[in-house]
Amino acid sequence: MSGTLRSWNVPQRVKLLLAFSTVIIVPSLLLFVLSTLTVNRKIEDQVVEGIRNEFDVLWQEYLETGREMQIPMLIQAQRASFQAALADRDKGFIKDYFRRWNHVQPYIDVMIAVDPSGTVIARLNGDLSGDILPLKLMSDVLATRNPVVSTEIFPAELIQKEGSETENRSMVEGTSLQPGRDYPRRSLQERNALAQLAAVPVVGEDGRLLGGILAVEILNREDYLPNLFRERIPSSSVSFALDGIVVATNATGPNGRSAIGALLPAKVMEVLERGESFGRWENFFGENELTFYHPISDSADKVIGALILQLPQNNLLAVESENRRNIAFITLLGMVLALAIAFLHSRQLTGNLKILTRGALSLMEGNLDTRILIETKTPPRDELILMGKTFNQMAGAIKRHMEEREQHGQTMEENNRTLRQLNEELQASKEELEIAYEEAQTQREELQSANE
């Protein structure tokens, strides 16, 4: 006995297809899942790095807006007409210059001219003058005679002097979006303003300090800079925060209204107060967003606010979804091709097995001329082809054995006939001998009788 055949009692094609499916589909699905996770993680890292770089560019552009505000001031400070007006305390000339300047740069909210002692000579908004400007930034500029651009807290007492319109626009009412997690402010109402200030000293040709110019862009409730930044990063939301409260943004809150007044999380403020920039996934305005924070410091390097950039998760999910579709298509295409190859192979395999089965049945029925046609010009390495050749050799051997057996039978039959003939001849000879013996016996008896 050569061995025992054991098998699952189903057609070979089914077993082959199931085997191929298991070998192909399971690894393909695992590859799809692992590839999706790996590629999505890589895409997310690239998106985060790209947004971080864009965020740095946005910060530089924010600083550039302050320098753009300062350039006309530096030019005007060099003009003899303006120097004379400042020395003569010509309030009308200075206010007229402020109006023309504001027409060119309408985002500037406050313009103030002061004398060397910091006393206000003229304002863009209103006719109030003669008061001391209580800004350390302006005092430093007058003392050092160096122009400065900085983001500062513009105090409520100065905003009040700019008129009710400026005061109302600057005031922000705080709103809690995450009760229990918000930054604990002393008051939910913010009357101070986060502002970009440009201060320039005015020095005469003789080197005498004539005074200074202050330009202020109040960021509270302003959408110019947020929308300008959104043009660079579409679908993003940009916000400015002052002391833990959003004072300017183009983002909307959970209620669909502007998110101005939203309180920042206390944990975010802990990091910002250390002067650290960071990014993380956060559900801040009602949806999960990739949020970047950049602290804003004043001229004394004290953190006073933050620039916040948010990118909706949907943007990243769209990229990841497209990536999943691409990987799924490639995986599915590979699986279909593999299954097609498996089907064709199983069809050929089971077809060959059926040919071998039909040949074996034909041989069993006594058709010793049964042969399996083999189409190959090279030495076969396929097991079924080798089996076919073996079948043909076996059929040939059986036929030869049967022919030899038949021939042997014929020889035996001829020998038997010869033996039968010889036996008949022997029988005839025996009978003749018996007759001859009887005749001899008779003659002997007759001879004995005669002798007596």
Protein backbone atom coordinates (compact mmCIF):
# COMPACT_ATOMS: atom_id res chain seq x y z
CA MET A 1 0.00 0.00 0.00
CA SER A 2 1.52 3.30 -1.13
CA GLY A 3 -0.58 5.53 1.10
CA THR A 4 -4.07 6.72 2.02
CA LEU A 5 -5.81 9.51 0.07
CA ARG A 6 -7.47 12.04 2.34
CA SER A 7 -9.44 15.05 1.15
CA TRP A 8 -12.26 17.45 1.97
CA ASN A 9 -15.15 16.07 -0.03
CA VAL A 10 -15.74 19.08 -2.31
CA PRO A 11 -14.65 19.74 -5.90
CA GLN A 12 -11.01 20.66 -6.36
CA ARG A 13 -11.98 23.93 -8.07
CA VAL A 14 -13.87 25.04 -4.96
CA LYS A 15 -10.96 24.12 -2.72
CA LEU A 16 -8.49 25.89 -4.98
CA LEU A 17 -10.61 29.03 -5.18
CA LEU A 18 -11.09 29.03 -1.41
CA ALA A 19 -7.37 28.53 -0.88
CA PHE A 20 -6.48 31.29 -3.33
CA SER A 21 -9.12 33.58 -1.82
CA THR A 22 -7.78 33.00 1.68
CA VAL A 23 -4.20 33.53 0.59
CA ILE A 24 -5.03 36.63 -1.46
CA ILE A 25 -7.97 38.36 0.22
CA VAL A 26 -6.83 38.16 3.85
CA PRO A 27 -3.32 39.57 3.20
CA SER A 28 -4.81 42.14 0.81
CA LEU A 29 -7.26 43.36 3.44
CA LEU A 30 -4.51 43.51 6.05
CA LEU A 31 -2.30 45.36 3.57
CA PHE A 32 -5.16 47.75 2.83
CA VAL A 33 -5.73 48.53 6.50
CA LEU A 34 -2.04 48.88 7.35
CA SER A 35 -1.31 50.92 4.20
CA THR A 36 -4.24 53.22 4.91
CA LEU A 37 -3.16 53.79 8.50
CA THR A 38 0.49 54.32 7.55
CA VAL A 39 -0.20 56.60 4.59
CA ASN A 40 -2.88 58.57 6.45
CA ARG A 41 -0.47 59.08 9.34
CA LYS A 42 2.17 60.23 6.89
CA ILE A 43 -0.30 62.56 5.17
CA GLU A 44 -1.39 63.95 8.52
CA ASP A 45 2.23 64.59 9.50
CA GLN A 46 2.88 66.30 6.17
CA VAL A 47 -0.29 68.39 6.49
CA VAL A 48 0.63 69.39 10.04
CA GLU A 49 4.17 70.30 8.97
CA GLY A 50 2.86 72.22 5.95
CA ILE A 51 0.32 74.12 8.06
CA ARG A 52 2.99 74.82 10.66
CA ASN A 53 5.20 76.35 7.97
CA GLU A 54 2.28 78.37 6.60
CA PHE A 55 1.52 79.48 10.13
CA ASP A 56 5.05 80.83 10.49
CA VAL A 57 4.56 82.70 7.21
CA LEU A 58 1.26 84.11 8.51
CA TRP A 59 3.03 85.37 11.60
CA GLN A 60 5.63 87.12 9.47
CA GLU A 61 2.87 88.65 7.36
CA TYR A 62 1.17 89.86 10.52
CA LEU A 63 4.39 91.58 11.57
CA GLU A 64 4.74 92.96 8.05
CA THR A 65 1.36 94.74 8.33
CA GLY A 66 2.80 96.72 11.24
CA ARG A 67 5.89 97.65 9.23
CA GLU A 68 3.65 98.73 6.33
CA MET A 69 1.82 100.97 8.75
CA GLN A 70 5.12 102.45 9.94
CA ILE A 71 6.62 103.33 6.53
CA PRO A 72 4.36 106.35 5.75
CA MET A 73 5.00 107.58 9.29
CA LEU A 74 8.76 107.50 8.78
CA ILE A 75 8.37 109.38 5.50
CA GLN A 76 6.09 112.01 7.02
CA ALA A 77 8.39 112.46 10.02
CA GLN A 78 11.15 113.58 7.62
CA ARG A 79 9.04 116.26 5.92
CA ALA A 80 9.78 119.81 6.95
CA SER A 81 6.09 120.81 6.73
CA PHE A 82 5.03 118.18 9.22
CA GLN A 83 7.98 118.94 11.51
CA ALA A 84 7.00 122.60 11.48
CA ALA A 85 3.34 121.79 12.20
CA LEU A 86 4.39 119.60 15.11
CA ALA A 87 6.75 122.27 16.48
CA ASP A 88 4.02 124.91 16.13
CA ARG A 89 1.40 122.53 17.56
CA ASP A 90 -0.69 123.07 14.42
CA LYS A 91 -3.60 120.83 15.28
CA GLY A 92 -5.54 121.50 12.06
CA PHE A 93 -2.62 120.63 9.76
CA ILE A 94 -1.87 117.44 11.67
CA LYS A 95 -5.53 116.29 11.69
CA ASP A 96 -5.78 116.96 7.95
CA TYR A 97 -2.68 114.81 7.40
CA PHE A 98 -4.17 112.07 9.59
CA ARG A 99 -7.39 112.06 7.49
CA ARG A 100 -5.47 111.76 4.22
CA TRP A 101 -3.28 109.07 5.67
CA ASN A 102 -6.32 107.14 6.96
CA HIS A 103 -7.83 107.31 3.47
CA VAL A 104 -4.80 105.39 2.16
CA GLN A 105 -4.64 102.97 5.12
CA PRO A 106 -8.25 102.71 6.34
CA TYR A 107 -7.49 99.86 8.75
CA ILE A 108 -5.68 102.31 11.06
CA ASP A 109 -8.11 103.19 13.85
CA VAL A 110 -6.15 105.62 16.00
CA MET A 111 -3.58 108.29 15.10
CA ILE A 112 -2.05 110.54 17.73
CA ALA A 113 0.66 113.19 17.57
CA VAL A 114 2.50 114.12 20.78
CA ASP A 115 5.14 116.63 21.80
CA PRO A 116 8.48 115.61 23.41
CA SER A 117 6.82 115.34 26.83
CA GLY A 118 4.15 112.94 25.58
CA THR A 119 1.37 115.51 25.62
CA VAL A 120 -1.22 114.94 22.92
CA ILE A 121 -1.26 117.63 20.20
CA ALA A 122 -3.87 116.13 17.85
CA ARG A 123 -5.97 113.03 17.31
CA LEU A 124 -7.60 111.53 14.23
CA ASN A 125 -10.76 110.86 16.22
CA GLY A 126 -12.15 113.95 17.89
CA ASP A 127 -10.66 117.23 19.09
CA LEU A 128 -9.43 116.14 22.51
CA SER A 129 -5.84 117.20 23.14
CA GLY A 130 -3.54 118.35 25.93
CA ASP A 131 -3.68 115.07 27.86
CA ILE A 132 -0.63 112.97 28.58
CA LEU A 133 -0.40 109.76 26.56
CA PRO A 134 0.17 107.04 29.22
CA LEU A 135 1.92 104.53 26.96
CA LYS A 136 5.31 103.16 27.92
CA LEU A 137 5.91 102.30 24.27
CA MET A 138 5.59 105.95 23.25
CA SER A 139 7.75 107.07 26.17
CA ASP A 140 10.49 104.64 25.11
CA VAL A 141 10.34 105.87 21.52
CA LEU A 142 10.69 109.49 22.61
CA ALA A 143 13.53 108.57 24.98
CA THR A 144 15.51 106.41 22.52
CA ARG A 145 14.41 108.18 19.29
CA ASN A 146 14.02 104.75 17.70
CA PRO A 147 10.85 103.79 15.82
CA VAL A 148 8.99 100.75 17.18
CA VAL A 149 6.35 98.37 15.82
CA SER A 150 4.73 96.16 18.42
CA THR A 151 1.54 94.41 19.45
CA GLU A 152 0.29 95.87 22.70
CA ILE A 153 -2.70 96.12 24.94
CA PHE A 154 -4.34 99.43 24.10
CA PRO A 155 -5.98 100.38 27.41
CA ALA A 156 -9.68 101.15 27.77
CA GLU A 157 -8.94 104.66 29.15
CA LEU A 158 -7.31 105.64 25.86
CA ILE A 159 -10.03 103.95 23.80
CA GLN A 160 -12.64 106.07 25.59
CA LYS A 161 -10.85 109.22 24.42
CA GLU A 162 -11.19 108.04 20.81
CA GLY A 163 -14.98 108.29 20.92
CA SER A 164 -17.94 106.02 21.56
CA GLU A 165 -17.79 104.35 18.15
CA THR A 166 -14.24 103.11 18.75
CA GLU A 167 -15.14 102.17 22.32
CA ASN A 168 -18.19 100.13 21.32
CA ARG A 169 -16.32 98.33 18.56
CA SER A 170 -13.47 97.43 20.88
CA MET A 171 -15.55 96.01 23.74
CA VAL A 172 -15.96 92.20 23.72
CA GLU A 173 -18.34 90.14 25.87
CA GLY A 174 -16.94 86.75 26.89
CA THR A 175 -18.77 83.49 26.20
CA SER A 176 -18.01 80.10 27.73
CA LEU A 177 -17.85 77.27 25.19
CA GLN A 178 -16.43 74.65 27.55
CA PRO A 179 -17.69 75.33 31.09
CA GLY A 180 -15.25 74.14 33.71
CA ARG A 181 -12.34 74.13 31.27
CA ASP A 182 -12.21 77.82 30.35
CA TYR A 183 -9.47 80.21 31.33
CA PRO A 184 -10.60 81.90 34.57
CA ARG A 185 -10.71 85.61 33.75
CA ARG A 186 -11.49 88.25 36.34
CA SER A 187 -14.29 89.54 34.11
CA LEU A 188 -16.11 88.20 31.06
CA GLN A 189 -16.11 91.71 29.61
CA GLU A 190 -12.98 92.88 27.81
CA ARG A 191 -12.70 96.67 27.39
CA ASN A 192 -9.02 96.78 26.52
CA ALA A 193 -8.00 96.17 22.92
CA LEU A 194 -5.39 93.97 21.33
CA ALA A 195 -3.71 96.37 18.93
CA GLN A 196 -0.79 96.71 16.59
CA LEU A 197 1.07 99.93 17.35
CA ALA A 198 3.61 101.82 15.28
CA ALA A 199 5.41 104.70 16.97
CA VAL A 200 7.87 107.03 15.24
CA PRO A 201 9.89 109.92 16.72
CA VAL A 202 9.97 113.21 14.84
CA VAL A 203 13.41 114.81 14.92
CA GLY A 204 14.19 118.17 13.33
CA GLU A 205 17.11 118.87 11.01
CA ASP A 206 18.95 120.40 13.93
CA GLY A 207 18.64 117.12 15.88
CA ARG A 208 16.02 118.49 18.25
CA LEU A 209 13.22 116.10 19.28
CA LEU A 210 9.94 117.64 18.10
CA GLY A 211 7.60 114.88 19.26
CA GLY A 212 6.25 111.63 17.93
CA ILE A 213 3.49 109.92 15.95
CA LEU A 214 1.47 106.93 17.09
CA ALA A 215 -0.67 104.79 14.76
CA VAL A 216 -2.90 102.07 16.18
CA GLU A 217 -4.71 99.23 14.42
CA ILE A 218 -7.25 97.84 16.89
CA LEU A 219 -7.70 94.12 16.29
CA ASN A 220 -10.86 93.72 18.39
CA ARG A 221 -13.76 92.64 16.13
CA GLU A 222 -11.63 93.15 13.05
CA ASP A 223 -11.98 90.66 10.20
CA TYR A 224 -9.45 92.20 7.79
CA LEU A 225 -6.42 90.25 9.01
CA PRO A 226 -8.30 86.95 9.60
CA ASN A 227 -9.72 87.09 6.07
CA LEU A 228 -6.35 88.07 4.64
CA PHE A 229 -4.80 85.01 6.26
CA ARG A 230 -7.67 82.78 5.06
CA GLU A 231 -6.76 83.67 1.47
CA ARG A 232 -3.41 81.97 2.02
CA ILE A 233 -4.88 78.87 3.70
CA PRO A 234 -8.39 78.27 2.29
CA SER A 235 -11.06 76.91 4.67
CA SER A 236 -8.98 77.95 7.65
CA SER A 237 -10.15 80.09 10.54
CA VAL A 238 -7.90 82.73 12.08
CA SER A 239 -8.47 84.28 15.49
CA PHE A 240 -6.77 86.77 17.77
CA ALA A 241 -7.08 86.34 21.52
CA LEU A 242 -6.38 88.79 24.34
CA ASP A 243 -5.93 87.49 27.87
CA GLY A 244 -7.75 84.23 27.13
CA ILE A 245 -10.67 85.68 25.16
CA VAL A 246 -11.12 85.71 21.37
CA VAL A 247 -11.38 89.35 20.31
CA ALA A 248 -11.22 88.91 16.51
CA THR A 249 -11.99 85.90 14.29
CA ASN A 250 -13.61 84.71 11.10
CA ALA A 251 -14.64 81.46 12.80
CA THR A 252 -18.17 80.61 13.84
CA GLY A 253 -19.23 78.99 17.08
CA PRO A 254 -21.60 76.04 17.67
CA ASN A 255 -24.59 78.37 17.31
CA GLY A 256 -23.50 79.48 13.85
CA ARG A 257 -22.64 82.97 15.03
CA SER A 258 -19.25 84.63 15.23
CA ALA A 259 -16.95 83.08 17.81
CA ILE A 260 -15.84 86.48 19.08
CA GLY A 261 -15.86 86.36 22.88
CA ALA A 262 -15.09 82.64 23.16
CA LEU A 263 -12.88 81.82 26.13
CA LEU A 264 -9.75 79.79 25.53
CA PRO A 265 -9.20 76.55 27.50
CA ALA A 266 -7.16 77.00 30.67
CA LYS A 267 -4.63 74.35 29.56
CA VAL A 268 -4.02 76.29 26.35
CA MET A 269 -3.35 79.46 28.29
CA GLU A 270 -0.86 77.64 30.53
CA VAL A 271 1.26 76.80 27.47
CA LEU A 272 0.83 80.22 25.83
CA GLU A 273 1.86 82.05 28.99
CA ARG A 274 5.16 80.15 28.80
CA GLY A 275 5.67 81.69 25.37
CA GLU A 276 5.40 78.38 23.51
CA SER A 277 3.83 77.79 20.09
CA PHE A 278 2.06 74.47 19.62
CA GLY A 279 -0.58 72.65 17.60
CA ARG A 280 -3.06 69.94 18.45
CA TRP A 281 -6.45 68.47 17.53
CA GLU A 282 -9.12 70.31 19.44
CA ASN A 283 -12.89 70.64 19.50
CA PHE A 284 -12.88 74.35 20.23
CA PHE A 285 -15.64 75.92 18.13
CA GLY A 286 -17.94 72.91 17.96
CA GLU A 287 -16.03 70.63 15.58
CA ASN A 288 -12.74 68.78 15.66
CA GLU A 289 -10.06 71.00 14.13
CA LEU A 290 -6.31 71.06 13.78
CA THR A 291 -5.49 74.12 15.89
CA PHE A 292 -2.22 76.04 16.07
CA TYR A 293 -1.44 78.64 18.73
CA HIS A 294 1.25 81.31 18.54
CA PRO A 295 1.75 83.58 21.57
CA ILE A 296 1.73 87.34 21.00
CA SER A 297 4.14 89.31 23.18
CA ASP A 298 4.36 93.05 23.72
CA SER A 299 7.50 95.20 23.52
CA ALA A 300 8.42 94.05 27.05
CA ASP A 301 8.27 90.36 25.96
CA LYS A 302 5.19 89.75 28.07
CA VAL A 303 2.64 87.37 26.55
CA ILE A 304 -0.57 89.32 26.09
CA GLY A 305 -2.48 87.28 23.51
CA ALA A 306 -2.37 84.64 20.83
CA LEU A 307 -2.73 84.15 17.11
CA ILE A 308 -4.84 81.04 16.46
CA LEU A 309 -5.12 79.11 13.20
CA GLN A 310 -7.68 76.34 12.80
CA LEU A 311 -8.10 73.90 9.94
CA PRO A 312 -11.26 71.74 9.91
CA GLN A 313 -10.74 68.01 10.17
CA ASN A 314 -12.97 67.61 7.11
CA ASN A 315 -10.16 69.00 4.94
CA LEU A 316 -7.77 66.34 6.17
CA LEU A 317 -10.48 63.69 6.07
CA ALA A 318 -11.11 64.54 2.42
CA VAL A 319 -7.44 63.88 1.64
CA GLU A 320 -7.48 60.68 3.70
CA SER A 321 -10.74 59.58 2.05
CA GLU A 322 -9.26 60.07 -1.40
CA ASN A 323 -6.18 58.16 -0.29
CA ARG A 324 -8.36 55.31 1.01
CA ARG A 325 -10.25 55.20 -2.27
CA ASN A 326 -6.99 54.98 -4.23
CA ILE A 327 -5.59 52.23 -2.00
CA ALA A 328 -8.94 50.39 -2.05
CA PHE A 329 -9.06 50.56 -5.85
CA ILE A 330 -5.51 49.22 -6.18
CA THR A 331 -6.22 46.49 -3.60
CA LEU A 332 -9.50 45.53 -5.26
CA LEU A 333 -7.86 45.50 -8.69
CA GLY A 334 -5.09 43.25 -7.35
CA MET A 335 -7.65 40.93 -5.75
CA VAL A 336 -9.74 40.71 -8.94
CA LEU A 337 -6.66 39.97 -11.04
CA ALA A 338 -5.47 37.39 -8.51
CA LEU A 339 -8.90 35.73 -8.37
CA ALA A 340 -9.11 35.73 -12.16
CA ILE A 341 -5.71 34.04 -12.35
CA ALA A 342 -6.80 31.61 -9.63
CA PHE A 343 -10.03 30.86 -11.51
CA LEU A 344 -8.20 30.23 -14.79
CA HIS A 345 -5.60 28.09 -13.05
CA SER A 346 -8.23 26.09 -11.17
CA ARG A 347 -10.19 25.68 -14.39
CA GLN A 348 -7.13 24.33 -16.16
CA LEU A 349 -6.25 22.13 -13.20
CA THR A 350 -9.74 20.63 -12.81
CA GLY A 351 -10.00 20.30 -16.59
CA ASN A 352 -6.82 18.23 -16.65
CA LEU A 353 -8.09 16.16 -13.73
CA LYS A 354 -11.33 15.49 -15.62
CA ILE A 355 -9.33 14.37 -18.69
CA LEU A 356 -7.32 12.02 -16.50
CA THR A 357 -10.55 10.71 -14.92
CA ARG A 358 -12.17 10.09 -18.31
CA GLY A 359 -8.99 8.31 -19.49
CA ALA A 360 -8.97 6.11 -16.39
CA LEU A 361 -12.66 5.21 -16.89
CA SER A 362 -12.06 4.41 -20.55
CA LEU A 363 -9.10 2.23 -19.62
CA MET A 364 -11.18 0.52 -16.96
CA GLU A 365 -13.79 -0.32 -19.58
CA GLY A 366 -11.11 -2.20 -21.53
CA ASN A 367 -10.14 0.41 -24.12
CA LEU A 368 -6.43 -0.27 -24.00
CA ASP A 369 -5.76 2.21 -26.80
CA THR A 370 -6.80 5.10 -24.54
CA ARG A 371 -4.17 7.82 -24.50
CA ILE A 372 -4.10 11.40 -23.15
CA LEU A 373 -2.94 14.05 -25.57
CA ILE A 374 -0.07 16.07 -24.09
CA GLU A 375 0.87 19.40 -25.66
CA THR A 376 4.35 20.34 -24.56
CA LYS A 377 7.60 20.71 -26.47
CA THR A 378 9.87 20.95 -23.45
CA PRO A 379 10.53 18.43 -20.69
CA PRO A 380 7.41 18.61 -18.50
CA ARG A 381 7.63 19.99 -14.98
CA ASP A 382 3.91 20.26 -14.32
CA GLU A 383 2.77 17.42 -12.04
CA LEU A 384 -0.45 16.88 -14.01
CA ILE A 385 1.49 16.64 -17.28
CA LEU A 386 3.80 14.15 -15.62
CA MET A 387 0.73 12.27 -14.39
CA GLY A 388 -0.63 12.26 -17.94
CA LYS A 389 2.64 10.86 -19.27
CA THR A 390 2.62 8.26 -16.51
CA PHE A 391 -0.97 7.37 -17.39
CA ASN A 392 0.00 6.87 -21.04
CA GLN A 393 2.97 4.74 -20.00
CA MET A 394 0.74 2.71 -17.71
CA ALA A 395 -1.85 2.24 -20.46
CA GLY A 396 0.89 1.14 -22.84
CA ALA A 397 2.31 -1.29 -20.29
CA ILE A 398 -1.13 -2.75 -19.63
CA LYS A 399 -1.73 -3.18 -23.35
CA ARG A 400 1.63 -4.85 -23.82
CA HIS A 401 0.97 -7.12 -20.86
CA MET A 402 -2.42 -8.06 -22.24
CA GLU A 403 -0.96 -8.69 -25.70
CA GLU A 404 1.80 -10.85 -24.19
CA ARG A 405 -0.77 -12.69 -22.15
CA GLU A 406 -2.91 -13.30 -25.22
CA GLN A 407 0.12 -14.48 -27.16
CA HIS A 408 1.10 -16.76 -24.32
CA GLY A 409 -2.42 -18.16 -24.28
CA GLN A 410 -2.26 -18.88 -27.97
CA THR A 411 1.07 -20.70 -27.51
CA MET A 412 -0.38 -22.75 -24.66
CA GLU A 413 -3.36 -23.66 -26.81
CA GLU A 414 -1.09 -24.85 -29.65
CA ASN A 415 0.97 -26.88 -27.20
CA ASN A 416 -2.19 -28.41 -25.83
CA ARG A 417 -3.29 -29.39 -29.31
CA THR A 418 0.10 -30.97 -29.98
CA LEU A 419 -0.07 -32.87 -26.69
CA ARG A 420 -3.57 -34.06 -27.48
CA GLN A 421 -2.38 -35.35 -30.87
CA LEU A 422 0.57 -37.09 -29.25
CA ASN A 423 -1.71 -38.60 -26.64
CA GLU A 424 -4.05 -39.85 -29.33
CA GLU A 425 -1.14 -41.33 -31.20
CA LEU A 426 0.12 -42.93 -27.99
CA GLN A 427 -3.33 -44.38 -27.33
CA ALA A 428 -3.45 -45.77 -30.85
CA SER A 429 0.02 -47.27 -30.45
CA LYS A 430 -1.00 -48.77 -27.13
CA GLU A 431 -4.05 -50.36 -28.64
CA GLU A 432 -1.98 -51.75 -31.48
CA LEU A 433 0.53 -53.15 -28.96
CA GLU A 434 -2.27 -54.73 -26.95
CA ILE A 435 -3.66 -56.39 -30.08
CA ALA A 436 -0.18 -57.53 -31.06
CA TYR A 437 0.36 -58.88 -27.56
CA GLU A 438 -2.89 -60.74 -27.61
CA GLU A 439 -2.03 -62.20 -31.00
CA ALA A 440 1.43 -63.22 -29.75
CA GLN A 441 -0.12 -64.83 -26.68
CA THR A 442 -2.51 -66.73 -28.82
CA GLN A 443 0.26 -67.94 -31.08
CA ARG A 444 2.25 -69.01 -28.01
CA GLU A 445 -0.55 -70.98 -26.66
CA GLU A 446 -1.11 -72.59 -30.01
CA LEU A 447 2.61 -73.39 -30.22
CA GLN A 448 2.61 -75.00 -26.77
CA SER A 449 -0.37 -77.10 -27.71
CA ALA A 450 1.33 -78.28 -30.80
CA ASN A 451 4.47 -79.33 -28.86
CA GLU A 452 2.53 -81.42 -26.53
